N, C-alpha and C. Protein backbone atom coordinates (compact mmCIF):
# COMPACT_ATOMS: atom_id res chain seq x y z
N MET A 1 -41.35 -54.89 69.35
CA MET A 1 -41.31 -54.33 70.93
C MET A 1 -41.09 -56.01 71.58
N GLY A 2 -40.00 -56.96 70.98
CA GLY A 2 -39.91 -58.00 71.52
C GLY A 2 -40.42 -59.28 70.91
N CYS A 3 -41.63 -59.04 69.87
CA CYS A 3 -42.20 -60.15 69.56
C CYS A 3 -41.77 -60.61 67.93
N ASN A 4 -42.21 -61.67 67.93
CA ASN A 4 -41.79 -62.39 66.64
C ASN A 4 -43.00 -62.08 65.57
N TYR A 5 -42.69 -61.72 64.06
CA TYR A 5 -44.26 -61.92 63.52
C TYR A 5 -43.96 -62.52 62.16
N ARG A 6 -45.01 -63.54 61.57
CA ARG A 6 -44.84 -64.12 60.07
C ARG A 6 -44.75 -62.90 59.51
N LEU A 7 -44.33 -63.34 58.10
CA LEU A 7 -44.12 -62.45 57.13
C LEU A 7 -45.36 -62.90 55.63
N LYS A 8 -45.95 -62.02 55.03
CA LYS A 8 -46.97 -62.87 53.93
C LYS A 8 -46.64 -61.90 53.01
N VAL A 9 -46.01 -62.54 51.75
CA VAL A 9 -45.84 -61.17 50.50
C VAL A 9 -46.86 -61.70 49.63
N ASN A 10 -47.61 -60.53 49.29
CA ASN A 10 -48.96 -60.94 48.43
C ASN A 10 -48.29 -60.18 47.13
N LYS A 11 -49.07 -60.35 45.70
CA LYS A 11 -48.38 -59.60 44.99
C LYS A 11 -50.00 -58.75 44.17
N GLY A 12 -49.89 -58.03 43.78
CA GLY A 12 -50.81 -57.05 43.05
C GLY A 12 -50.37 -55.70 43.29
N LEU A 13 -51.60 -54.91 43.25
CA LEU A 13 -51.26 -53.26 43.16
C LEU A 13 -50.04 -53.33 45.05
N TYR A 14 -49.30 -52.02 44.60
CA TYR A 14 -48.58 -52.24 45.84
C TYR A 14 -49.64 -51.35 46.95
N GLU A 15 -49.11 -51.83 48.06
CA GLU A 15 -49.18 -51.46 49.21
C GLU A 15 -48.37 -51.15 50.28
N PRO A 16 -48.60 -50.13 51.31
CA PRO A 16 -47.57 -50.06 52.27
C PRO A 16 -47.82 -51.29 53.31
N VAL A 17 -46.55 -51.43 54.09
CA VAL A 17 -46.72 -52.82 54.84
C VAL A 17 -47.79 -52.72 55.78
N LYS A 18 -48.46 -53.81 56.39
CA LYS A 18 -49.27 -53.67 57.26
C LYS A 18 -49.28 -54.76 58.10
N LEU A 19 -49.19 -54.52 59.63
CA LEU A 19 -49.31 -55.46 60.70
C LEU A 19 -50.54 -55.90 61.42
N LEU A 20 -50.97 -57.16 61.03
CA LEU A 20 -52.28 -57.26 61.12
C LEU A 20 -52.44 -58.61 61.93
N HIS A 21 -53.16 -58.95 63.04
CA HIS A 21 -53.10 -60.44 63.75
C HIS A 21 -51.56 -61.06 63.58
N GLY A 22 -50.71 -60.43 64.24
CA GLY A 22 -49.67 -60.76 64.34
C GLY A 22 -48.74 -61.36 62.96
N ARG A 23 -49.24 -60.94 62.10
CA ARG A 23 -48.54 -60.98 60.85
C ARG A 23 -48.14 -59.75 59.63
N PHE A 24 -46.81 -59.52 59.37
CA PHE A 24 -46.62 -58.59 58.52
C PHE A 24 -47.30 -58.97 57.22
N THR A 25 -47.97 -57.91 56.35
CA THR A 25 -48.21 -58.42 55.02
C THR A 25 -47.71 -57.16 53.98
N VAL A 26 -46.96 -57.57 52.97
CA VAL A 26 -46.70 -56.56 52.24
C VAL A 26 -47.05 -57.03 50.88
N THR A 27 -47.67 -55.94 50.28
CA THR A 27 -48.02 -56.29 48.77
C THR A 27 -47.12 -55.54 47.89
N LEU A 28 -46.65 -56.30 46.76
CA LEU A 28 -45.81 -56.24 45.84
C LEU A 28 -46.11 -55.86 44.15
N ARG A 29 -45.87 -55.47 43.67
CA ARG A 29 -46.19 -55.39 42.28
C ARG A 29 -46.10 -56.85 41.54
N ILE A 30 -46.77 -57.04 40.67
CA ILE A 30 -46.82 -58.04 40.01
C ILE A 30 -45.55 -58.10 39.03
N GLY A 31 -44.65 -59.29 39.18
CA GLY A 31 -43.37 -59.07 38.57
C GLY A 31 -42.11 -58.65 39.30
N SER A 32 -42.52 -58.23 40.69
CA SER A 32 -41.30 -57.75 41.67
C SER A 32 -41.05 -58.50 42.37
N ASP A 33 -39.73 -59.81 42.27
CA ASP A 33 -39.52 -60.78 43.06
C ASP A 33 -38.42 -60.25 43.90
N ASN A 34 -37.78 -58.75 44.05
CA ASN A 34 -36.89 -58.28 44.62
C ASN A 34 -36.83 -58.34 46.21
N PRO A 35 -36.03 -59.20 47.09
CA PRO A 35 -36.37 -59.35 48.33
C PRO A 35 -35.96 -58.05 48.80
N GLU A 36 -34.89 -56.87 48.41
CA GLU A 36 -34.25 -55.59 48.86
C GLU A 36 -35.76 -54.86 49.18
N LEU A 37 -36.96 -54.79 48.27
CA LEU A 37 -37.91 -54.24 48.24
C LEU A 37 -38.76 -54.45 49.44
N ILE A 38 -38.78 -55.74 49.76
CA ILE A 38 -39.34 -56.17 50.95
C ILE A 38 -38.50 -55.64 52.28
N GLN A 39 -37.45 -56.11 52.22
CA GLN A 39 -36.67 -55.49 53.43
C GLN A 39 -36.62 -53.81 53.50
N ASP A 40 -37.17 -53.18 52.15
CA ASP A 40 -37.09 -51.64 52.39
C ASP A 40 -38.41 -51.36 52.68
N SER A 41 -39.68 -51.92 52.56
CA SER A 41 -40.68 -51.75 53.13
C SER A 41 -41.02 -52.14 54.20
N LEU A 42 -40.17 -52.94 54.94
CA LEU A 42 -40.49 -53.49 56.14
C LEU A 42 -39.60 -52.22 57.02
N ALA A 43 -38.37 -51.97 56.58
CA ALA A 43 -37.68 -50.93 57.36
C ALA A 43 -38.22 -49.78 57.38
N SER A 44 -38.92 -49.35 56.61
CA SER A 44 -39.52 -48.35 56.45
C SER A 44 -40.81 -48.02 57.63
N TRP A 45 -41.59 -49.04 57.76
CA TRP A 45 -42.49 -49.58 58.50
C TRP A 45 -41.91 -49.62 59.89
N TYR A 46 -40.88 -49.84 60.17
CA TYR A 46 -40.22 -49.89 61.49
C TYR A 46 -40.06 -48.29 61.94
N LYS A 47 -39.06 -47.71 60.87
CA LYS A 47 -38.67 -46.73 61.17
C LYS A 47 -39.35 -45.50 61.49
N GLN A 48 -41.03 -45.67 60.97
CA GLN A 48 -42.17 -44.70 61.41
C GLN A 48 -42.61 -45.23 62.87
N ARG A 49 -42.81 -46.24 63.28
CA ARG A 49 -42.90 -46.75 64.20
C ARG A 49 -42.13 -46.36 65.00
N ALA A 50 -40.85 -46.62 64.96
CA ALA A 50 -39.96 -46.44 66.28
C ALA A 50 -39.81 -44.77 66.28
N LEU A 51 -39.87 -44.07 65.33
CA LEU A 51 -39.90 -42.35 65.99
C LEU A 51 -41.29 -42.32 66.59
N ALA A 52 -42.11 -42.58 66.55
CA ALA A 52 -43.32 -42.38 67.26
C ALA A 52 -43.15 -43.01 68.61
N LYS A 53 -42.89 -44.53 68.90
CA LYS A 53 -42.86 -44.93 70.16
C LYS A 53 -41.60 -44.11 71.14
N LEU A 54 -40.07 -44.38 70.19
CA LEU A 54 -39.36 -43.37 71.04
C LEU A 54 -39.59 -42.22 71.41
N THR A 55 -40.17 -41.36 70.68
CA THR A 55 -40.70 -40.04 71.15
C THR A 55 -41.32 -40.06 72.44
N GLU A 56 -42.39 -40.79 72.49
CA GLU A 56 -43.16 -40.91 73.21
C GLU A 56 -42.45 -41.19 74.66
N LYS A 57 -41.40 -42.13 74.51
CA LYS A 57 -40.88 -42.71 75.50
C LYS A 57 -40.04 -41.73 75.98
N ALA A 58 -39.25 -41.13 75.23
CA ALA A 58 -38.49 -39.95 75.77
C ALA A 58 -39.01 -38.90 76.29
N LYS A 59 -40.28 -38.52 76.17
CA LYS A 59 -41.16 -37.30 76.66
C LYS A 59 -41.46 -37.74 78.10
N ARG A 60 -41.95 -39.45 78.21
CA ARG A 60 -42.05 -39.85 79.73
C ARG A 60 -40.89 -39.82 80.47
N TYR A 61 -39.85 -40.57 80.11
CA TYR A 61 -38.43 -40.34 80.78
C TYR A 61 -37.96 -39.00 81.28
N ALA A 62 -38.17 -38.40 80.30
CA ALA A 62 -37.57 -36.66 80.42
C ALA A 62 -38.19 -36.44 81.67
N GLU A 63 -39.70 -36.38 81.89
CA GLU A 63 -40.05 -36.00 82.88
C GLU A 63 -39.79 -36.75 84.18
N ILE A 64 -39.55 -37.80 84.27
CA ILE A 64 -39.15 -38.83 85.59
C ILE A 64 -37.87 -38.34 85.82
N ILE A 65 -36.77 -38.26 84.93
CA ILE A 65 -35.56 -37.94 85.42
C ILE A 65 -35.11 -36.43 85.02
N GLY A 66 -36.23 -35.47 84.94
CA GLY A 66 -36.20 -34.05 84.91
C GLY A 66 -35.08 -33.45 84.25
N VAL A 67 -35.41 -33.71 83.12
CA VAL A 67 -34.12 -33.37 82.22
C VAL A 67 -34.75 -32.72 80.98
N THR A 68 -34.74 -32.01 79.99
CA THR A 68 -35.32 -31.29 78.68
C THR A 68 -34.03 -32.02 77.66
N TYR A 69 -34.68 -32.27 76.61
CA TYR A 69 -34.29 -32.74 75.11
C TYR A 69 -34.59 -31.71 74.09
N ALA A 70 -33.59 -31.45 73.16
CA ALA A 70 -34.00 -30.74 72.24
C ALA A 70 -35.18 -31.21 70.93
N ALA A 71 -34.24 -32.73 70.67
CA ALA A 71 -35.17 -33.44 69.48
C ALA A 71 -35.03 -34.92 69.80
N VAL A 72 -35.85 -35.60 69.21
CA VAL A 72 -35.51 -36.93 69.20
C VAL A 72 -35.51 -37.43 67.97
N GLY A 73 -34.51 -38.20 67.12
CA GLY A 73 -34.22 -38.83 65.84
C GLY A 73 -33.96 -40.38 65.86
N ILE A 74 -33.96 -40.69 64.53
CA ILE A 74 -33.75 -42.61 64.09
C ILE A 74 -32.88 -42.12 63.41
N LYS A 75 -31.71 -43.26 63.70
CA LYS A 75 -30.64 -43.31 62.69
C LYS A 75 -30.57 -44.72 62.47
N LEU A 76 -29.72 -45.22 61.77
CA LEU A 76 -29.03 -46.83 61.77
C LEU A 76 -27.74 -46.67 61.85
N TYR A 77 -27.20 -47.04 63.17
CA TYR A 77 -25.88 -47.27 64.03
C TYR A 77 -25.56 -48.94 63.75
N LYS A 78 -24.00 -49.00 63.43
CA LYS A 78 -23.75 -50.22 63.26
C LYS A 78 -23.29 -50.84 64.71
N ASN A 79 -22.83 -49.78 65.72
CA ASN A 79 -22.79 -50.42 67.04
C ASN A 79 -22.93 -49.53 68.10
N ARG A 80 -23.90 -48.94 68.01
CA ARG A 80 -24.34 -48.48 69.36
C ARG A 80 -26.34 -48.32 69.39
N TRP A 81 -26.72 -48.08 70.21
CA TRP A 81 -28.21 -47.96 70.34
C TRP A 81 -28.80 -46.68 70.49
N GLY A 82 -28.36 -45.78 70.61
CA GLY A 82 -28.32 -44.46 70.95
C GLY A 82 -27.09 -43.47 70.88
N SER A 83 -27.53 -41.90 70.75
CA SER A 83 -26.67 -40.93 71.01
C SER A 83 -27.18 -39.78 71.43
N CYS A 84 -26.25 -39.15 72.54
CA CYS A 84 -26.85 -37.72 73.14
C CYS A 84 -25.68 -36.83 72.71
N SER A 85 -26.44 -35.60 72.00
CA SER A 85 -25.67 -34.47 71.73
C SER A 85 -25.32 -33.62 72.97
N VAL A 86 -24.53 -32.88 72.80
CA VAL A 86 -24.12 -31.52 73.84
C VAL A 86 -25.03 -30.68 73.82
N GLU A 87 -26.03 -30.61 72.54
CA GLU A 87 -27.12 -29.65 72.05
C GLU A 87 -28.53 -30.10 72.62
N GLY A 88 -28.26 -31.37 73.14
CA GLY A 88 -29.75 -32.23 73.77
C GLY A 88 -30.45 -32.82 72.81
N ASN A 89 -29.64 -33.25 71.43
CA ASN A 89 -30.65 -34.38 70.51
C ASN A 89 -30.21 -35.66 70.79
N ILE A 90 -31.23 -36.09 70.79
CA ILE A 90 -31.23 -37.61 71.34
C ILE A 90 -31.64 -38.61 69.97
N ASP A 91 -30.66 -39.45 69.47
CA ASP A 91 -30.73 -40.21 68.48
C ASP A 91 -30.75 -41.86 68.88
N PHE A 92 -31.56 -42.56 68.02
CA PHE A 92 -31.68 -43.90 68.50
C PHE A 92 -31.38 -44.78 67.32
N ASN A 93 -31.14 -45.91 67.31
CA ASN A 93 -30.90 -46.66 66.26
C ASN A 93 -32.42 -47.52 66.07
N TRP A 94 -32.91 -47.16 65.10
CA TRP A 94 -34.45 -47.65 64.50
C TRP A 94 -34.61 -49.17 65.32
N GLN A 95 -33.59 -49.86 65.01
CA GLN A 95 -33.68 -51.27 65.28
C GLN A 95 -34.10 -51.85 66.54
N ILE A 96 -33.60 -50.65 67.76
CA ILE A 96 -33.92 -50.74 69.29
C ILE A 96 -35.42 -51.20 69.25
N ILE A 97 -36.38 -50.84 68.32
CA ILE A 97 -37.83 -50.83 68.25
C ILE A 97 -38.11 -52.40 68.60
N MET A 98 -37.15 -53.55 67.87
CA MET A 98 -37.60 -54.88 68.01
C MET A 98 -37.18 -55.45 68.94
N ALA A 99 -36.33 -54.78 70.35
CA ALA A 99 -36.42 -55.07 71.33
C ALA A 99 -37.48 -55.00 72.37
N PRO A 100 -37.07 -56.20 73.62
CA PRO A 100 -38.28 -55.93 74.42
C PRO A 100 -38.61 -54.92 75.09
N ASN A 101 -39.94 -54.50 75.42
CA ASN A 101 -40.39 -53.28 75.72
C ASN A 101 -39.19 -52.60 76.96
N ARG A 102 -38.97 -53.38 78.08
CA ARG A 102 -38.23 -52.95 79.31
C ARG A 102 -36.77 -52.55 78.56
N VAL A 103 -36.19 -53.51 77.38
CA VAL A 103 -35.05 -52.89 77.03
C VAL A 103 -34.90 -51.75 76.38
N VAL A 104 -36.09 -51.36 75.42
CA VAL A 104 -36.28 -49.80 75.00
C VAL A 104 -36.06 -49.00 75.68
N ASP A 105 -37.16 -48.98 77.01
CA ASP A 105 -36.82 -48.22 77.86
C ASP A 105 -35.47 -48.00 78.22
N TYR A 106 -34.69 -49.00 78.32
CA TYR A 106 -33.22 -48.65 79.44
C TYR A 106 -32.44 -47.85 78.09
N VAL A 107 -32.54 -48.36 76.76
CA VAL A 107 -31.86 -47.24 76.11
C VAL A 107 -32.46 -45.70 75.93
N VAL A 108 -33.77 -45.48 76.00
CA VAL A 108 -34.07 -44.08 76.18
C VAL A 108 -33.83 -43.43 77.50
N ALA A 109 -33.66 -44.02 78.77
CA ALA A 109 -33.48 -43.53 79.61
C ALA A 109 -31.85 -43.38 79.95
N HIS A 110 -31.10 -44.44 79.35
CA HIS A 110 -29.58 -44.08 78.97
C HIS A 110 -29.24 -43.08 78.74
N GLU A 111 -29.90 -42.48 77.52
CA GLU A 111 -29.59 -41.42 76.73
C GLU A 111 -29.96 -40.06 77.44
N LEU A 112 -31.03 -40.50 78.02
CA LEU A 112 -31.74 -38.72 78.83
C LEU A 112 -30.53 -38.89 79.92
N CYS A 113 -29.94 -39.61 80.53
CA CYS A 113 -29.23 -39.58 81.56
C CYS A 113 -27.83 -38.84 81.19
N HIS A 114 -27.42 -39.02 79.80
CA HIS A 114 -26.66 -38.56 79.42
C HIS A 114 -26.70 -36.73 79.50
N LEU A 115 -27.97 -36.48 79.64
CA LEU A 115 -27.90 -34.87 79.61
C LEU A 115 -27.52 -34.26 80.88
N ILE A 116 -27.40 -35.28 82.01
CA ILE A 116 -26.69 -34.92 83.30
C ILE A 116 -25.42 -35.12 83.15
N HIS A 117 -25.19 -36.33 83.08
CA HIS A 117 -24.20 -36.86 83.05
C HIS A 117 -23.33 -37.00 81.47
N HIS A 118 -22.32 -36.24 81.11
CA HIS A 118 -22.17 -36.45 79.51
C HIS A 118 -20.87 -37.68 79.52
N ASP A 119 -20.85 -38.98 80.18
CA ASP A 119 -19.76 -39.67 80.27
C ASP A 119 -20.55 -40.84 81.11
N HIS A 120 -19.59 -42.05 81.08
CA HIS A 120 -20.37 -43.24 81.42
C HIS A 120 -19.47 -43.32 82.71
N SER A 121 -19.43 -42.25 83.69
CA SER A 121 -18.93 -41.89 85.08
C SER A 121 -19.73 -42.90 85.98
N PRO A 122 -19.16 -43.50 87.19
CA PRO A 122 -19.81 -44.03 88.30
C PRO A 122 -21.10 -43.20 88.60
N GLN A 123 -20.73 -41.94 88.53
CA GLN A 123 -22.37 -40.61 88.71
C GLN A 123 -23.34 -41.14 87.64
N PHE A 124 -22.94 -41.47 86.71
CA PHE A 124 -23.66 -41.71 85.18
C PHE A 124 -24.72 -43.16 85.88
N TRP A 125 -24.21 -43.88 86.12
CA TRP A 125 -24.67 -45.36 86.39
C TRP A 125 -25.89 -45.33 87.48
N ARG A 126 -24.93 -44.36 88.60
CA ARG A 126 -26.04 -44.12 89.93
C ARG A 126 -27.23 -43.70 89.38
N GLN A 127 -27.17 -42.33 88.71
CA GLN A 127 -28.31 -41.90 88.17
C GLN A 127 -28.77 -42.71 87.64
N LEU A 128 -28.47 -43.65 86.08
CA LEU A 128 -29.55 -44.63 85.46
C LEU A 128 -30.53 -45.57 86.66
N GLU A 129 -29.66 -45.93 87.53
CA GLU A 129 -29.84 -47.16 88.67
C GLU A 129 -30.99 -46.64 89.20
N ARG A 130 -30.84 -45.00 90.00
CA ARG A 130 -32.07 -44.59 90.36
C ARG A 130 -33.39 -44.59 89.27
N ILE A 131 -33.25 -44.37 88.22
CA ILE A 131 -34.34 -44.19 87.30
C ILE A 131 -35.01 -45.65 86.95
N MET A 132 -33.99 -46.83 86.80
CA MET A 132 -34.33 -48.10 86.66
C MET A 132 -33.12 -49.44 86.96
N PRO A 133 -33.78 -49.40 88.20
CA PRO A 133 -32.71 -50.45 88.91
C PRO A 133 -32.33 -51.66 88.20
N ASP A 134 -33.11 -51.93 87.30
CA ASP A 134 -32.66 -53.13 86.82
C ASP A 134 -31.72 -53.01 85.56
N TYR A 135 -31.37 -52.03 85.07
CA TYR A 135 -30.64 -51.61 84.00
C TYR A 135 -29.79 -52.72 83.50
N ALA A 136 -28.90 -52.97 84.73
CA ALA A 136 -28.23 -54.14 84.11
C ALA A 136 -28.54 -55.20 83.56
N GLU A 137 -29.53 -55.39 83.83
CA GLU A 137 -30.34 -56.89 83.07
C GLU A 137 -30.30 -56.38 81.48
N CYS A 138 -30.87 -55.20 81.32
CA CYS A 138 -31.33 -55.04 79.88
C CYS A 138 -30.25 -54.53 79.03
N LYS A 139 -29.00 -53.87 80.02
CA LYS A 139 -27.80 -53.81 79.30
C LYS A 139 -27.43 -55.35 78.95
N GLU A 140 -27.29 -56.25 79.65
CA GLU A 140 -26.95 -57.70 79.38
C GLU A 140 -27.53 -58.35 78.04
N TRP A 141 -28.97 -57.94 78.15
CA TRP A 141 -30.06 -58.39 77.44
C TRP A 141 -29.40 -57.97 76.01
N LEU A 142 -28.89 -56.62 75.93
CA LEU A 142 -28.66 -56.25 74.52
C LEU A 142 -27.48 -56.77 74.37
N LYS A 143 -26.38 -56.64 75.10
CA LYS A 143 -25.11 -57.41 74.91
C LYS A 143 -25.21 -58.81 73.97
N VAL A 144 -25.86 -59.74 74.59
CA VAL A 144 -26.45 -61.12 74.31
C VAL A 144 -27.30 -61.07 73.02
N ASN A 145 -28.21 -60.35 72.94
CA ASN A 145 -29.22 -60.44 71.78
C ASN A 145 -29.15 -59.59 70.68
N GLY A 146 -28.38 -58.40 70.99
CA GLY A 146 -28.89 -57.13 70.28
C GLY A 146 -28.35 -57.37 68.86
N ALA A 147 -27.45 -58.26 68.66
CA ALA A 147 -26.88 -58.37 66.88
C ALA A 147 -28.09 -59.39 66.11
N SER A 148 -29.21 -59.97 67.06
CA SER A 148 -30.08 -60.61 66.16
C SER A 148 -31.43 -59.63 66.05
N LEU A 149 -31.47 -58.47 66.06
CA LEU A 149 -32.45 -57.20 65.77
C LEU A 149 -32.26 -56.78 64.89
N THR A 150 -32.31 -57.34 63.48
CA THR A 150 -32.43 -57.29 62.34
C THR A 150 -33.35 -57.49 61.59
N LEU A 151 -33.37 -56.76 60.21
CA LEU A 151 -34.74 -57.53 59.28
C LEU A 151 -33.95 -58.81 58.54
């Protein structure tokens, strides 16, 4: 949600990732020095939090916009932050959860507005602007900073 955290890697009995006092703690088995294990553990932690947070935000913004969606899911996309199917399924790139809160809100509102306008027509952008007048700033933030939202 737009914050940086330090990472501490401990050796011992494996434990799931914890975020305490502004620091991620990963505990790996003694003898496991594989950086991919650390990255996989962190990705798993982020995916769990992303699904919960994005589902919560989708519910809140769906009420504001006046739409109903079928389901919320998370994926890893290379070139997009979200997707909305004609069936009403909303999928988000789990890495968006690393962006500032307002940018996450923008992506959620953007995808939910596609339930009304299934394109990027002027009507779509007007609908989004009614919900989020500063959407252009969030869109620009993603354009400039989105590539840095990685582990």
